Amino acid sequence: FERVSMNRDRPLLYTEDPLQTITDLLAERE
């Protein structure tokens, strides 16, 4: 989250809660 929070070229993080999105996607992909 710290590394990507300022990057607007991440379409999957165009959400209301990017931190939760990262948490969910990591859990799905591990």
PDB file of all heavy atoms in Angstrom:
ATOM      1  N   PHE A   1       0.827  -1.203   0.000  1.00  0.00           N
ATOM      2  CA  PHE A   1       0.000   0.000   0.000  1.00  0.00           C
ATOM      3  C   PHE A   1       0.866   1.259   0.000  1.00  0.00           C
ATOM      4  O   PHE A   1       0.599   2.210  -0.729  1.00  0.00           O
ATOM      5  CB  PHE A   1      -0.935   0.004   1.203  1.00  0.00           C
ATOM      6  CG  PHE A   1      -1.842   1.204   1.261  1.00  0.00           C
ATOM      7  CD1 PHE A   1      -2.868   1.351   0.348  1.00  0.00           C
ATOM      8  CD2 PHE A   1      -1.655   2.182   2.219  1.00  0.00           C
ATOM      9  CE1 PHE A   1      -3.699   2.466   0.385  1.00  0.00           C
ATOM     10  CE2 PHE A   1      -2.475   3.299   2.267  1.00  0.00           C
ATOM     11  CZ  PHE A   1      -3.503   3.444   1.344  1.00  0.00           C
ATOM     12  N   GLU A   2       1.915   1.235   0.798  1.00  0.00           N
ATOM     13  CA  GLU A   2       2.822   2.390   0.863  1.00  0.00           C
ATOM     14  C   GLU A   2       3.473   2.648  -0.489  1.00  0.00           C
ATOM     15  O   GLU A   2       3.647   3.800  -0.906  1.00  0.00           O
ATOM     16  CB  GLU A   2       3.884   2.148   1.928  1.00  0.00           C
ATOM     17  CG  GLU A   2       4.877   3.292   2.088  1.00  0.00           C
ATOM     18  CD  GLU A   2       5.931   3.007   3.151  1.00  0.00           C
ATOM     19  OE1 GLU A   2       5.782   2.017   3.901  1.00  0.00           O
ATOM     20  OE2 GLU A   2       6.902   3.777   3.226  1.00  0.00           O
ATOM     21  N   ARG A   3       3.830   1.576  -1.189  1.00  0.00           N
ATOM     22  CA  ARG A   3       4.535   1.717  -2.463  1.00  0.00           C
ATOM     23  C   ARG A   3       3.626   2.166  -3.601  1.00  0.00           C
ATOM     24  O   ARG A   3       4.086   2.845  -4.532  1.00  0.00           O
ATOM     25  CB  ARG A   3       5.202   0.390  -2.834  1.00  0.00           C
ATOM     26  CG  ARG A   3       6.360  -0.005  -1.929  1.00  0.00           C
ATOM     27  CD  ARG A   3       6.859  -1.406  -2.269  1.00  0.00           C
ATOM     28  NE  ARG A   3       7.977  -1.807  -1.435  1.00  0.00           N
ATOM     29  CZ  ARG A   3       8.512  -3.038  -1.447  1.00  0.00           C
ATOM     30  NH1 ARG A   3       8.017  -3.954  -2.271  1.00  0.00           N
ATOM     31  NH2 ARG A   3       9.514  -3.331  -0.655  1.00  0.00           N
ATOM     32  N   VAL A   4       2.348   1.767  -3.580  1.00  0.00           N
ATOM     33  CA  VAL A   4       1.483   2.017  -4.743  1.00  0.00           C
ATOM     34  C   VAL A   4       0.431   3.098  -4.507  1.00  0.00           C
ATOM     35  O   VAL A   4      -0.275   3.469  -5.453  1.00  0.00           O
ATOM     36  CB  VAL A   4       0.769   0.720  -5.190  1.00  0.00           C
ATOM     37  CG1 VAL A   4       1.761  -0.385  -5.456  1.00  0.00           C
ATOM     38  CG2 VAL A   4      -0.279   0.273  -4.177  1.00  0.00           C
ATOM     39  N   SER A   5       0.323   3.607  -3.301  1.00  0.00           N
ATOM     40  CA  SER A   5      -0.786   4.502  -2.968  1.00  0.00           C
ATOM     41  C   SER A   5      -0.808   5.789  -3.794  1.00  0.00           C
ATOM     42  O   SER A   5      -1.864   6.374  -4.006  1.00  0.00           O
ATOM     43  CB  SER A   5      -0.767   4.844  -1.474  1.00  0.00           C
ATOM     44  OG  SER A   5       0.449   5.455  -1.113  1.00  0.00           O
ATOM     45  N   MET A   6       0.347   6.229  -4.271  1.00  0.00           N
ATOM     46  CA  MET A   6       0.408   7.467  -5.053  1.00  0.00           C
ATOM     47  C   MET A   6       0.418   7.217  -6.561  1.00  0.00           C
ATOM     48  O   MET A   6       0.502   8.152  -7.346  1.00  0.00           O
ATOM     49  CB  MET A   6       1.653   8.273  -4.662  1.00  0.00           C
ATOM     50  CG  MET A   6       1.708   8.650  -3.192  1.00  0.00           C
ATOM     51  SD  MET A   6       0.251   9.603  -2.668  1.00  0.00           S
ATOM     52  CE  MET A   6       0.516  11.110  -3.599  1.00  0.00           C
ATOM     53  N   ASN A   7       0.305   5.948  -6.964  1.00  0.00           N
ATOM     54  CA  ASN A   7       0.366   5.597  -8.381  1.00  0.00           C
ATOM     55  C   ASN A   7      -1.055   5.450  -8.929  1.00  0.00           C
ATOM     56  O   ASN A   7      -1.807   4.591  -8.479  1.00  0.00           O
ATOM     57  CB  ASN A   7       1.149   4.284  -8.541  1.00  0.00           C
ATOM     58  CG  ASN A   7       1.444   3.960  -9.988  1.00  0.00           C
ATOM     59  OD1 ASN A   7       0.675   4.308 -10.886  1.00  0.00           O
ATOM     60  ND2 ASN A   7       2.554   3.277 -10.236  1.00  0.00           N
ATOM     61  N   ARG A   8      -1.400   6.273  -9.905  1.00  0.00           N
ATOM     62  CA  ARG A   8      -2.749   6.236 -10.481  1.00  0.00           C
ATOM     63  C   ARG A   8      -2.846   5.328 -11.692  1.00  0.00           C
ATOM     64  O   ARG A   8      -3.865   5.313 -12.380  1.00  0.00           O
ATOM     65  CB  ARG A   8      -3.186   7.661 -10.867  1.00  0.00           C
ATOM     66  CG  ARG A   8      -3.238   8.629  -9.713  1.00  0.00           C
ATOM     67  CD  ARG A   8      -4.107   8.107  -8.570  1.00  0.00           C
ATOM     68  NE  ARG A   8      -5.475   7.838  -9.007  1.00  0.00           N
ATOM     69  CZ  ARG A   8      -6.350   7.131  -8.304  1.00  0.00           C
ATOM     70  NH1 ARG A   8      -5.990   6.587  -7.154  1.00  0.00           N
ATOM     71  NH2 ARG A   8      -7.580   6.935  -8.761  1.00  0.00           N
ATOM     72  N   ASP A   9      -1.798   4.539 -11.988  1.00  0.00           N
ATOM     73  CA  ASP A   9      -1.825   3.633 -13.131  1.00  0.00           C
ATOM     74  C   ASP A   9      -2.155   2.208 -12.718  1.00  0.00           C
ATOM     75  O   ASP A   9      -1.748   1.254 -13.375  1.00  0.00           O
ATOM     76  CB  ASP A   9      -0.470   3.658 -13.854  1.00  0.00           C
ATOM     77  CG  ASP A   9      -0.197   4.988 -14.522  1.00  0.00           C
ATOM     78  OD1 ASP A   9      -1.181   5.645 -14.921  1.00  0.00           O
ATOM     79  OD2 ASP A   9       0.974   5.366 -14.635  1.00  0.00           O
ATOM     80  N   ARG A  10      -2.904   2.045 -11.620  1.00  0.00           N
ATOM     81  CA  ARG A  10      -3.277   0.727 -11.116  1.00  0.00           C
ATOM     82  C   ARG A  10      -4.800   0.585 -11.172  1.00  0.00           C
ATOM     83  O   ARG A  10      -5.500   0.871 -10.206  1.00  0.00           O
ATOM     84  CB  ARG A  10      -2.803   0.548  -9.673  1.00  0.00           C
ATOM     85  CG  ARG A  10      -1.337   0.901  -9.418  1.00  0.00           C
ATOM     86  CD  ARG A  10      -0.395  -0.146  -9.929  1.00  0.00           C
ATOM     87  NE  ARG A  10       0.976   0.111  -9.510  1.00  0.00           N
ATOM     88  CZ  ARG A  10       1.988  -0.702  -9.764  1.00  0.00           C
ATOM     89  NH1 ARG A  10       1.786  -1.825 -10.419  1.00  0.00           N
ATOM     90  NH2 ARG A  10       3.208  -0.395  -9.364  1.00  0.00           N
ATOM     91  N   PRO A  11      -5.356   0.142 -12.301  1.00  0.00           N
ATOM     92  CA  PRO A  11      -6.819   0.120 -12.452  1.00  0.00           C
ATOM     93  C   PRO A  11      -7.556  -0.671 -11.373  1.00  0.00           C
ATOM     94  O   PRO A  11      -8.663  -0.296 -10.988  1.00  0.00           O
ATOM     95  CB  PRO A  11      -7.013  -0.532 -13.828  1.00  0.00           C
ATOM     96  CG  PRO A  11      -5.747  -0.260 -14.556  1.00  0.00           C
ATOM     97  CD  PRO A  11      -4.662  -0.279 -13.520  1.00  0.00           C
ATOM     98  N   LEU A  12      -6.966  -1.735 -10.877  1.00  0.00           N
ATOM     99  CA  LEU A  12      -7.657  -2.562  -9.879  1.00  0.00           C
ATOM    100  C   LEU A  12      -7.763  -1.855  -8.531  1.00  0.00           C
ATOM    101  O   LEU A  12      -8.504  -2.313  -7.650  1.00  0.00           O
ATOM    102  CB  LEU A  12      -6.945  -3.912  -9.720  1.00  0.00           C
ATOM    103  CG  LEU A  12      -7.018  -4.841 -10.935  1.00  0.00           C
ATOM    104  CD1 LEU A  12      -6.290  -6.146 -10.644  1.00  0.00           C
ATOM    105  CD2 LEU A  12      -8.465  -5.136 -11.331  1.00  0.00           C
ATOM    106  N   LEU A  13      -7.035  -0.749  -8.366  1.00  0.00           N
ATOM    107  CA  LEU A  13      -7.101  -0.013  -7.100  1.00  0.00           C
ATOM    108  C   LEU A  13      -7.976   1.236  -7.203  1.00  0.00           C
ATOM    109  O   LEU A  13      -7.975   2.073  -6.300  1.00  0.00           O
ATOM    110  CB  LEU A  13      -5.689   0.375  -6.638  1.00  0.00           C
ATOM    111  CG  LEU A  13      -4.750  -0.790  -6.328  1.00  0.00           C
ATOM    112  CD1 LEU A  13      -3.430  -0.269  -5.775  1.00  0.00           C
ATOM    113  CD2 LEU A  13      -5.382  -1.774  -5.350  1.00  0.00           C
ATOM    114  N   TYR A  14      -8.747   1.347  -8.279  1.00  0.00           N
ATOM    115  CA  TYR A  14      -9.692   2.455  -8.398  1.00  0.00           C
ATOM    116  C   TYR A  14     -10.935   2.121  -7.569  1.00  0.00           C
ATOM    117  O   TYR A  14     -12.033   1.911  -8.091  1.00  0.00           O
ATOM    118  CB  TYR A  14     -10.090   2.685  -9.858  1.00  0.00           C
ATOM    119  CG  TYR A  14      -8.974   3.151 -10.776  1.00  0.00           C
ATOM    120  CD1 TYR A  14      -9.175   3.203 -12.146  1.00  0.00           C
ATOM    121  CD2 TYR A  14      -7.723   3.544 -10.283  1.00  0.00           C
ATOM    122  CE1 TYR A  14      -8.171   3.629 -13.004  1.00  0.00           C
ATOM    123  CE2 TYR A  14      -6.720   3.965 -11.136  1.00  0.00           C
ATOM    124  CZ  TYR A  14      -6.949   4.002 -12.496  1.00  0.00           C
ATOM    125  OH  TYR A  14      -5.948   4.420 -13.344  1.00  0.00           O
ATOM    126  N   THR A  15     -10.769   2.039  -6.271  1.00  0.00           N
ATOM    127  CA  THR A  15     -11.846   1.666  -5.363  1.00  0.00           C
ATOM    128  C   THR A  15     -11.907   2.652  -4.203  1.00  0.00           C
ATOM    129  O   THR A  15     -10.996   3.457  -4.006  1.00  0.00           O
ATOM    130  CB  THR A  15     -11.623   0.249  -4.794  1.00  0.00           C
ATOM    131  OG1 THR A  15     -10.419   0.258  -4.000  1.00  0.00           O
ATOM    132  CG2 THR A  15     -11.477  -0.774  -5.909  1.00  0.00           C
ATOM    133  N   GLU A  16     -12.977   2.575  -3.420  1.00  0.00           N
ATOM    134  CA  GLU A  16     -13.128   3.463  -2.264  1.00  0.00           C
ATOM    135  C   GLU A  16     -12.129   3.141  -1.161  1.00  0.00           C
ATOM    136  O   GLU A  16     -11.741   4.019  -0.387  1.00  0.00           O
ATOM    137  CB  GLU A  16     -14.554   3.373  -1.711  1.00  0.00           C
ATOM    138  CG  GLU A  16     -15.618   3.942  -2.651  1.00  0.00           C
ATOM    139  CD  GLU A  16     -16.994   3.916  -2.031  1.00  0.00           C
ATOM    140  OE1 GLU A  16     -17.120   3.472  -0.858  1.00  0.00           O
ATOM    141  OE2 GLU A  16     -17.952   4.343  -2.697  1.00  0.00           O
ATOM    142  N   ASP A  17     -11.710   1.876  -1.085  1.00  0.00           N
ATOM    143  CA  ASP A  17     -10.798   1.450  -0.026  1.00  0.00           C
ATOM    144  C   ASP A  17      -9.671   0.612  -0.631  1.00  0.00           C
ATOM    145  O   ASP A  17      -9.708  -0.624  -0.585  1.00  0.00           O
ATOM    146  CB  ASP A  17     -11.558   0.645   1.030  1.00  0.00           C
ATOM    147  CG  ASP A  17     -10.726   0.358   2.278  1.00  0.00           C
ATOM    148  OD1 ASP A  17      -9.503   0.583   2.232  1.00  0.00           O
ATOM    149  OD2 ASP A  17     -11.300  -0.085   3.282  1.00  0.00           O
ATOM    150  N   PRO A  18      -8.648   1.271  -1.216  1.00  0.00           N
ATOM    151  CA  PRO A  18      -7.562   0.528  -1.863  1.00  0.00           C
ATOM    152  C   PRO A  18      -6.845  -0.443  -0.932  1.00  0.00           C
ATOM    153  O   PRO A  18      -6.429  -1.522  -1.360  1.00  0.00           O
ATOM    154  CB  PRO A  18      -6.619   1.628  -2.349  1.00  0.00           C
ATOM    155  CG  PRO A  18      -7.472   2.841  -2.468  1.00  0.00           C
ATOM    156  CD  PRO A  18      -8.479   2.727  -1.375  1.00  0.00           C
ATOM    157  N   LEU A  19      -6.689  -0.072   0.347  1.00  0.00           N
ATOM    158  CA  LEU A  19      -6.006  -0.965   1.283  1.00  0.00           C
ATOM    159  C   LEU A  19      -6.762  -2.272   1.433  1.00  0.00           C
ATOM    160  O   LEU A  19      -6.160  -3.361   1.434  1.00  0.00           O
ATOM    161  CB  LEU A  19      -5.846  -0.276   2.642  1.00  0.00           C
ATOM    162  CG  LEU A  19      -5.121  -1.089   3.725  1.00  0.00           C
ATOM    163  CD1 LEU A  19      -3.703  -1.429   3.290  1.00  0.00           C
ATOM    164  CD2 LEU A  19      -5.105  -0.317   5.045  1.00  0.00           C
ATOM    165  N   GLN A  20      -8.072  -2.202   1.541  1.00  0.00           N
ATOM    166  CA  GLN A  20      -8.868  -3.420   1.650  1.00  0.00           C
ATOM    167  C   GLN A  20      -8.832  -4.221   0.351  1.00  0.00           C
ATOM    168  O   GLN A  20      -8.807  -5.453   0.361  1.00  0.00           O
ATOM    169  CB  GLN A  20     -10.318  -3.085   2.017  1.00  0.00           C
ATOM    170  CG  GLN A  20     -11.181  -4.312   2.308  1.00  0.00           C
ATOM    171  CD  GLN A  20     -10.651  -5.123   3.473  1.00  0.00           C
ATOM    172  OE1 GLN A  20     -10.375  -4.580   4.535  1.00  0.00           O
ATOM    173  NE2 GLN A  20     -10.489  -6.425   3.282  1.00  0.00           N
ATOM    174  N   THR A  21      -8.802  -3.500  -0.772  1.00  0.00           N
ATOM    175  CA  THR A  21      -8.708  -4.179  -2.065  1.00  0.00           C
ATOM    176  C   THR A  21      -7.414  -4.973  -2.162  1.00  0.00           C
ATOM    177  O   THR A  21      -7.400  -6.126  -2.620  1.00  0.00           O
ATOM    178  CB  THR A  21      -8.780  -3.159  -3.218  1.00  0.00           C
ATOM    179  OG1 THR A  21     -10.028  -2.445  -3.142  1.00  0.00           O
ATOM    180  CG2 THR A  21      -8.671  -3.850  -4.571  1.00  0.00           C
ATOM    181  N   ILE A  22      -6.301  -4.364  -1.737  1.00  0.00           N
ATOM    182  CA  ILE A  22      -5.012  -5.070  -1.735  1.00  0.00           C
ATOM    183  C   ILE A  22      -5.088  -6.300  -0.836  1.00  0.00           C
ATOM    184  O   ILE A  22      -4.638  -7.395  -1.227  1.00  0.00           O
ATOM    185  CB  ILE A  22      -3.893  -4.125  -1.271  1.00  0.00           C
ATOM    186  CG1 ILE A  22      -3.650  -3.028  -2.311  1.00  0.00           C
ATOM    187  CG2 ILE A  22      -2.590  -4.901  -1.013  1.00  0.00           C
ATOM    188  CD1 ILE A  22      -2.732  -1.922  -1.832  1.00  0.00           C
ATOM    189  N   THR A  23      -5.666  -6.141   0.351  1.00  0.00           N
ATOM    190  CA  THR A  23      -5.794  -7.257   1.296  1.00  0.00           C
ATOM    191  C   THR A  23      -6.573  -8.401   0.668  1.00  0.00           C
ATOM    192  O   THR A  23      -6.161  -9.572   0.741  1.00  0.00           O
ATOM    193  CB  THR A  23      -6.490  -6.785   2.580  1.00  0.00           C
ATOM    194  OG1 THR A  23      -5.736  -5.726   3.169  1.00  0.00           O
ATOM    195  CG2 THR A  23      -6.614  -7.928   3.582  1.00  0.00           C
ATOM    196  N   ASP A  24      -7.694  -8.080   0.034  1.00  0.00           N
ATOM    197  CA  ASP A  24      -8.552  -9.110  -0.556  1.00  0.00           C
ATOM    198  C   ASP A  24      -7.875  -9.797  -1.736  1.00  0.00           C
ATOM    199  O   ASP A  24      -7.915 -11.034  -1.858  1.00  0.00           O
ATOM    200  CB  ASP A  24      -9.877  -8.495  -1.008  1.00  0.00           C
ATOM    201  CG  ASP A  24     -10.724  -7.993   0.157  1.00  0.00           C
ATOM    202  OD1 ASP A  24     -10.467  -8.411   1.312  1.00  0.00           O
ATOM    203  OD2 ASP A  24     -11.629  -7.176  -0.085  1.00  0.00           O
ATOM    204  N   LEU A  25      -7.254  -8.995  -2.610  1.00  0.00           N
ATOM    205  CA  LEU A  25      -6.612  -9.581  -3.788  1.00  0.00           C
ATOM    206  C   LEU A  25      -5.430 -10.468  -3.405  1.00  0.00           C
ATOM    207  O   LEU A  25      -5.226 -11.539  -3.996  1.00  0.00           O
ATOM    208  CB  LEU A  25      -6.152  -8.476  -4.740  1.00  0.00           C
ATOM    209  CG  LEU A  25      -7.242  -7.758  -5.537  1.00  0.00           C
ATOM    210  CD1 LEU A  25      -6.647  -6.595  -6.325  1.00  0.00           C
ATOM    211  CD2 LEU A  25      -7.943  -8.721  -6.486  1.00  0.00           C
ATOM    212  N   LEU A  26      -4.652 -10.039  -2.425  1.00  0.00           N
ATOM    213  CA  LEU A  26      -3.527 -10.864  -1.970  1.00  0.00           C
ATOM    214  C   LEU A  26      -4.015 -12.199  -1.439  1.00  0.00           C
ATOM    215  O   LEU A  26      -3.427 -13.254  -1.722  1.00  0.00           O
ATOM    216  CB  LEU A  26      -2.739 -10.131  -0.882  1.00  0.00           C
ATOM    217  CG  LEU A  26      -1.585  -9.237  -1.337  1.00  0.00           C
ATOM    218  CD1 LEU A  26      -0.951  -8.551  -0.132  1.00  0.00           C
ATOM    219  CD2 LEU A  26      -0.530 -10.033  -2.091  1.00  0.00           C
ATOM    220  N   ALA A  27      -5.089 -12.169  -0.655  1.00  0.00           N
ATOM    221  CA  ALA A  27      -5.646 -13.407  -0.101  1.00  0.00           C
ATOM    222  C   ALA A  27      -6.120 -14.338  -1.222  1.00  0.00           C
ATOM    223  O   ALA A  27      -5.919 -15.562  -1.161  1.00  0.00           O
ATOM    224  CB  ALA A  27      -6.799 -13.094   0.850  1.00  0.00           C
ATOM    225  N   GLU A  28      -6.717 -13.758  -2.265  1.00  0.00           N
ATOM    226  CA  GLU A  28      -7.214 -14.564  -3.383  1.00  0.00           C
ATOM    227  C   GLU A  28      -6.073 -15.177  -4.193  1.00  0.00           C
ATOM    228  O   GLU A  28      -6.195 -16.290  -4.707  1.00  0.00           O
ATOM    229  CB  GLU A  28      -8.062 -13.690  -4.311  1.00  0.00           C
ATOM    230  CG  GLU A  28      -9.386 -13.232  -3.714  1.00  0.00           C
ATOM    231  CD  GLU A  28     -10.083 -12.219  -4.619  1.00  0.00           C
ATOM    232  OE1 GLU A  28      -9.599 -12.026  -5.769  1.00  0.00           O
ATOM    233  OE2 GLU A  28     -11.086 -11.627  -4.181  1.00  0.00           O
ATOM    234  N   ARG A  29      -4.971 -14.462  -4.298  1.00  0.00           N
ATOM    235  CA  ARG A  29      -3.908 -14.861  -5.228  1.00  0.00           C
ATOM    236  C   ARG A  29      -2.765 -15.643  -4.597  1.00  0.00           C
ATOM    237  O   ARG A  29      -1.951 -16.221  -5.314  1.00  0.00           O
ATOM    238  CB  ARG A  29      -3.324 -13.618  -5.906  1.00  0.00           C
ATOM    239  CG  ARG A  29      -4.301 -12.881  -6.799  1.00  0.00           C
ATOM    240  CD  ARG A  29      -3.670 -11.617  -7.357  1.00  0.00           C
ATOM    241  NE  ARG A  29      -4.571 -10.873  -8.232  1.00  0.00           N
ATOM    242  CZ  ARG A  29      -4.261  -9.736  -8.835  1.00  0.00           C
ATOM    243  NH1 ARG A  29      -3.057  -9.200  -8.621  1.00  0.00           N
ATOM    244  NH2 ARG A  29      -5.127  -9.124  -9.614  1.00  0.00           N
ATOM    245  N   GLU A  30      -2.678 -15.678  -3.289  1.00  0.00           N
ATOM    246  CA  GLU A  30      -1.499 -16.267  -2.646  1.00  0.00           C
ATOM    247  C   GLU A  30      -1.254 -17.702  -3.091  1.00  0.00           C
ATOM    248  O   GLU A  30      -0.120 -18.081  -3.402  1.00  0.00           O
ATOM    249  CB  GLU A  30      -1.631 -16.201  -1.123  1.00  0.00           C
ATOM    250  CG  GLU A  30      -0.383 -16.718  -0.422  1.00  0.00           C
ATOM    251  CD  GLU A  30      -0.360 -16.390   1.059  1.00  0.00           C
ATOM    252  OE1 GLU A  30      -1.365 -15.863   1.573  1.00  0.00           O
ATOM    253  OE2 GLU A  30       0.669 -16.662   1.689  1.00  0.00           O
TER     254      GLU A  30
END
